[in-house]
N, C-alpha and C. Protein backbone atom coordinates (compact mmCIF):
# COMPACT_ATOMS: atom_id res chain seq x y z
N MET A 1 22.27 -33.49 39.14
CA MET A 1 21.74 -32.21 39.50
C MET A 1 22.04 -31.06 38.64
N ILE A 2 21.25 -30.28 37.84
CA ILE A 2 21.63 -29.44 36.81
C ILE A 2 21.60 -28.14 37.70
N SER A 3 22.78 -27.33 37.28
CA SER A 3 22.72 -25.92 38.16
C SER A 3 22.22 -24.86 37.24
N VAL A 4 22.15 -23.81 37.56
CA VAL A 4 21.48 -22.70 36.89
C VAL A 4 22.64 -22.26 36.00
N SER A 5 23.95 -22.33 35.94
CA SER A 5 24.88 -21.96 35.02
C SER A 5 24.62 -22.95 33.93
N ASP A 6 24.26 -24.25 34.16
CA ASP A 6 24.12 -25.07 33.28
C ASP A 6 23.01 -25.12 32.31
N ILE A 7 22.15 -24.42 32.76
CA ILE A 7 20.77 -23.94 32.20
C ILE A 7 21.03 -22.96 31.40
N VAL A 8 21.83 -22.07 31.84
CA VAL A 8 22.28 -20.44 31.03
C VAL A 8 22.95 -21.17 29.95
N LYS A 9 23.77 -22.11 30.01
CA LYS A 9 24.83 -22.39 28.91
C LYS A 9 23.56 -23.18 27.79
N ILE A 10 22.89 -24.12 28.14
CA ILE A 10 22.09 -24.53 27.34
C ILE A 10 21.19 -23.61 26.60
N LEU A 11 20.59 -22.42 27.26
CA LEU A 11 19.83 -21.42 26.70
C LEU A 11 20.63 -20.44 25.60
N ASP A 12 21.77 -20.34 25.93
CA ASP A 12 22.67 -19.69 25.07
C ASP A 12 22.96 -19.96 23.84
N GLN A 13 22.58 -21.68 23.49
CA GLN A 13 22.67 -22.35 22.47
C GLN A 13 21.51 -22.00 21.38
N ILE A 14 20.30 -21.63 21.91
CA ILE A 14 19.31 -21.61 21.21
C ILE A 14 19.09 -20.18 20.79
N PRO A 15 18.81 -19.94 19.42
CA PRO A 15 18.79 -18.60 18.63
C PRO A 15 17.82 -17.71 19.19
N VAL A 16 16.59 -18.28 19.64
CA VAL A 16 15.34 -17.63 20.01
C VAL A 16 15.95 -16.78 21.30
N TRP A 17 16.74 -17.52 22.25
CA TRP A 17 17.10 -16.97 23.57
C TRP A 17 17.92 -15.92 23.31
N LYS A 18 19.01 -15.92 22.38
CA LYS A 18 19.87 -14.97 22.15
C LYS A 18 18.98 -13.52 21.68
N THR A 19 18.10 -13.82 20.98
CA THR A 19 17.13 -12.58 20.62
C THR A 19 16.32 -11.90 21.87
N LEU A 20 15.84 -12.81 22.72
CA LEU A 20 15.29 -12.47 23.71
C LEU A 20 16.33 -11.95 24.96
N LYS A 21 17.33 -12.15 24.84
CA LYS A 21 18.31 -11.45 25.61
C LYS A 21 18.57 -9.91 25.14
N ALA A 22 18.87 -9.81 23.81
CA ALA A 22 18.81 -8.52 23.45
C ALA A 22 17.85 -7.69 23.59
N LEU A 23 16.66 -8.16 23.70
CA LEU A 23 15.36 -7.31 23.67
C LEU A 23 15.42 -6.18 24.60
N PRO A 24 15.76 -6.01 25.92
CA PRO A 24 15.82 -5.06 26.70
C PRO A 24 16.58 -3.81 26.30
N GLY A 25 17.68 -4.10 25.58
CA GLY A 25 18.57 -3.16 25.03
C GLY A 25 17.86 -2.29 23.65
N ARG A 26 17.48 -3.23 23.03
CA ARG A 26 16.51 -2.74 21.85
C ARG A 26 15.25 -2.03 22.11
N ILE A 27 14.56 -2.30 23.20
CA ILE A 27 13.40 -1.50 23.69
C ILE A 27 13.76 -0.31 24.19
N GLU A 28 14.66 -0.13 25.15
CA GLU A 28 15.32 1.29 25.65
C GLU A 28 15.78 1.67 24.51
N ALA A 29 16.29 1.33 23.44
CA ALA A 29 16.57 2.50 22.33
C ALA A 29 15.51 2.92 21.52
N LEU A 30 14.70 2.00 21.20
CA LEU A 30 13.48 2.44 20.82
C LEU A 30 12.39 3.67 21.43
N GLU A 31 12.49 3.30 22.95
CA GLU A 31 11.92 4.28 23.77
C GLU A 31 12.35 5.65 23.54
N ARG A 32 13.83 5.51 23.42
CA ARG A 32 14.62 6.92 23.30
C ARG A 32 14.11 7.69 22.08
N ARG A 33 14.12 6.73 21.06
CA ARG A 33 13.92 7.54 19.54
C ARG A 33 12.32 7.92 19.61
N VAL A 34 11.36 6.94 20.26
CA VAL A 34 10.12 7.65 20.01
C VAL A 34 9.99 9.01 21.41
N ALA A 35 10.67 9.05 21.97
CA ALA A 35 10.55 10.40 22.89
C ALA A 35 11.13 11.53 22.24
N GLU A 36 12.26 11.04 21.51
CA GLU A 36 13.07 12.14 20.81
C GLU A 36 11.94 12.74 19.52
N LEU A 37 11.48 11.74 18.90
CA LEU A 37 10.31 12.36 17.84
C LEU A 37 9.09 12.90 18.16
N GLU A 38 8.51 12.51 19.66
CA GLU A 38 7.45 13.05 20.19
C GLU A 38 7.95 14.38 20.55
N GLY A 39 9.12 14.49 21.13
CA GLY A 39 9.47 15.80 21.57
C GLY A 39 9.63 16.90 20.18
N ALA A 40 10.00 16.36 19.05
CA ALA A 40 10.06 17.22 17.96
C ALA A 40 8.81 17.69 17.51
N LYS A 41 7.89 16.91 17.67
CA LYS A 41 6.31 17.16 17.34
C LYS A 41 5.92 18.42 17.99
N LEU A 42 6.37 18.54 19.28
CA LEU A 42 5.84 19.60 20.04
C LEU A 42 6.36 20.75 19.55
N LEU A 43 7.44 20.86 18.83
CA LEU A 43 8.01 22.18 18.29
C LEU A 43 8.05 22.27 16.88
N PRO A 44 6.92 22.91 16.23
CA PRO A 44 6.48 22.98 15.01
C PRO A 44 7.63 23.56 14.04
N GLY A 45 8.37 24.44 14.73
CA GLY A 45 9.50 24.91 13.78
C GLY A 45 10.53 24.26 13.41
N LYS A 46 10.70 23.01 13.90
CA LYS A 46 11.62 22.12 13.67
C LYS A 46 11.30 21.19 12.50
N LEU A 47 9.86 20.81 12.45
CA LEU A 47 9.44 20.03 11.40
C LEU A 47 9.30 20.70 9.96
N PRO A 48 9.73 19.99 8.96
CA PRO A 48 9.45 20.58 7.75
C PRO A 48 7.89 20.82 7.49
N GLY A 49 7.45 21.64 6.60
CA GLY A 49 6.25 21.81 5.96
C GLY A 49 5.83 20.93 4.81
N GLU A 50 5.03 21.29 4.26
CA GLU A 50 4.34 20.62 2.98
C GLU A 50 5.53 21.36 1.80
N PRO A 51 5.74 20.77 0.72
CA PRO A 51 6.41 21.32 -0.38
C PRO A 51 5.48 22.18 -0.92
N CYS A 52 6.18 23.52 -1.22
CA CYS A 52 5.48 24.78 -1.66
C CYS A 52 5.40 24.56 -3.28
N PRO A 53 4.18 24.93 -3.79
CA PRO A 53 3.91 24.71 -5.33
C PRO A 53 4.72 25.56 -6.24
N ALA A 54 5.26 26.74 -5.74
CA ALA A 54 5.79 27.72 -6.01
C ALA A 54 7.38 27.38 -6.37
N CYS A 55 7.92 27.18 -5.03
CA CYS A 55 9.44 27.24 -4.96
C CYS A 55 9.97 25.51 -4.53
N GLY A 56 9.10 24.75 -4.17
CA GLY A 56 9.39 23.33 -3.94
C GLY A 56 9.91 23.21 -2.67
N MET A 57 10.32 24.19 -1.95
CA MET A 57 10.86 23.95 -0.44
C MET A 57 9.83 23.52 0.35
N PRO A 58 10.23 22.86 1.30
CA PRO A 58 9.21 22.23 2.48
C PRO A 58 9.01 23.08 3.45
N GLY A 59 8.26 24.24 3.15
CA GLY A 59 8.13 25.30 4.10
C GLY A 59 6.51 25.81 4.27
N LEU A 60 5.74 25.26 3.55
CA LEU A 60 4.39 25.47 3.23
C LEU A 60 3.47 25.31 4.71
N ARG A 61 3.08 26.23 5.25
CA ARG A 61 2.28 26.02 6.47
C ARG A 61 0.76 26.57 6.58
N ARG A 62 0.10 25.98 7.03
CA ARG A 62 -1.51 26.52 7.06
C ARG A 62 -1.44 27.92 7.99
N THR A 63 -1.90 28.88 7.52
CA THR A 63 -1.81 30.22 8.24
C THR A 63 -3.30 30.56 8.80
N SER A 64 -4.36 30.10 8.03
CA SER A 64 -5.82 30.34 8.39
C SER A 64 -6.57 29.04 8.06
N SER A 65 -7.68 29.00 8.70
CA SER A 65 -8.65 28.00 8.16
C SER A 65 -10.06 28.67 8.79
N LYS A 66 -11.05 28.57 7.98
CA LYS A 66 -12.31 29.10 8.44
C LYS A 66 -13.37 28.35 7.42
N VAL A 67 -14.48 28.31 8.17
CA VAL A 67 -15.66 27.69 7.52
C VAL A 67 -15.92 28.31 5.96
N SER A 68 -15.87 27.52 5.12
CA SER A 68 -16.44 27.91 3.84
C SER A 68 -17.31 29.01 3.59
N SER A 69 -17.43 29.90 2.67
CA SER A 69 -18.43 30.73 2.71
C SER A 69 -19.59 30.26 1.49
N GLY A 70 -18.83 29.17 0.85
CA GLY A 70 -19.53 28.61 -0.37
C GLY A 70 -20.72 27.79 0.23
N PRO A 71 -21.45 27.10 -0.61
CA PRO A 71 -22.45 26.30 -0.39
C PRO A 71 -22.25 25.16 0.52
N PHE A 72 -20.89 24.62 0.34
CA PHE A 72 -20.75 23.54 1.18
C PHE A 72 -20.21 23.53 2.57
N GLY A 73 -20.16 24.96 3.15
CA GLY A 73 -19.72 25.42 4.35
C GLY A 73 -20.54 24.79 5.47
N VAL A 74 -21.95 24.43 5.42
CA VAL A 74 -22.68 24.16 6.38
C VAL A 74 -22.32 22.43 6.38
N LEU A 75 -21.61 21.82 5.25
CA LEU A 75 -21.24 20.29 5.28
C LEU A 75 -19.93 20.04 5.95
N GLY A 76 -19.18 21.15 6.28
CA GLY A 76 -18.08 21.07 6.87
C GLY A 76 -16.83 21.61 6.03
N ALA A 77 -17.26 22.12 5.02
CA ALA A 77 -16.00 22.52 4.12
C ALA A 77 -15.07 23.56 4.65
N ARG A 78 -13.91 23.94 4.37
CA ARG A 78 -13.21 24.85 4.91
C ARG A 78 -12.21 25.43 3.86
N ASP A 79 -12.18 26.87 3.83
CA ASP A 79 -11.31 27.57 3.15
C ASP A 79 -9.96 27.97 3.95
N GLU A 80 -8.80 27.34 3.28
CA GLU A 80 -7.61 27.18 4.23
C GLU A 80 -6.53 28.37 3.27
N GLU A 81 -5.89 28.97 4.07
CA GLU A 81 -4.68 29.82 3.56
C GLU A 81 -3.35 29.31 3.82
N TRP A 82 -2.63 28.73 3.09
CA TRP A 82 -1.31 27.95 3.43
C TRP A 82 -0.15 29.26 2.79
N THR A 83 0.80 29.57 3.71
CA THR A 83 1.90 30.45 3.19
C THR A 83 3.21 29.89 3.33
N CYS A 84 4.06 29.86 2.35
CA CYS A 84 5.32 29.33 2.45
C CYS A 84 6.36 30.02 3.22
N GLU A 85 6.99 29.58 4.16
CA GLU A 85 8.15 30.34 4.92
C GLU A 85 9.11 30.65 4.02
N SER A 86 9.41 29.84 3.02
CA SER A 86 10.76 30.37 2.20
C SER A 86 10.63 31.53 1.34
N CYS A 87 9.26 31.45 0.54
CA CYS A 87 9.07 32.28 -0.51
C CYS A 87 8.18 33.39 -0.34
N GLY A 88 7.32 33.31 0.61
CA GLY A 88 6.18 34.01 0.73
C GLY A 88 4.86 33.54 0.03
N GLU A 89 5.22 32.65 -0.66
CA GLU A 89 3.68 32.24 -1.86
C GLU A 89 2.66 31.82 -0.75
N ILE A 90 1.58 32.42 -1.26
CA ILE A 90 0.35 32.02 -0.51
C ILE A 90 -0.68 30.98 -1.27
N ASP A 91 -0.97 30.13 -0.62
CA ASP A 91 -1.72 29.04 -1.41
C ASP A 91 -2.98 28.88 -0.91
N HIS A 92 -4.31 29.10 -1.60
CA HIS A 92 -5.71 29.03 -1.06
C HIS A 92 -6.14 27.30 -1.61
N ARG A 93 -6.79 27.05 -0.39
CA ARG A 93 -7.23 25.69 -0.58
C ARG A 93 -8.45 25.45 0.07
N ASP A 94 -9.39 24.46 -0.58
CA ASP A 94 -10.66 24.15 -0.25
C ASP A 94 -10.33 22.82 0.46
N ASN A 95 -11.12 22.52 1.64
CA ASN A 95 -10.87 21.42 2.35
C ASN A 95 -12.22 21.12 2.96
N VAL A 96 -12.48 19.56 2.80
CA VAL A 96 -13.56 18.95 3.18
C VAL A 96 -13.33 18.04 4.15
N ARG A 97 -13.98 17.97 5.52
CA ARG A 97 -13.50 17.24 6.37
C ARG A 97 -14.34 15.91 6.76
């Protein structure tokens, strides 16, 4: 008769079983990392902005967005204002969604 310990010894010799045994620890580590990343998204001050065209620093953030006053405003075009937190440069962009 085969005992449980004999079955475990046989399974330990199979590479796939070793991978399966390691999965719970890996899943827990990944869940912690995802939770940290999701928490960081809730705090926009912690995340870098887009690169500034003037100074190159990653501090460019959208400060205003309104429907375009041009002819494409009715089609969803928007006029956006982006301000660099590092140098104060203001970048005006047209955005179509």
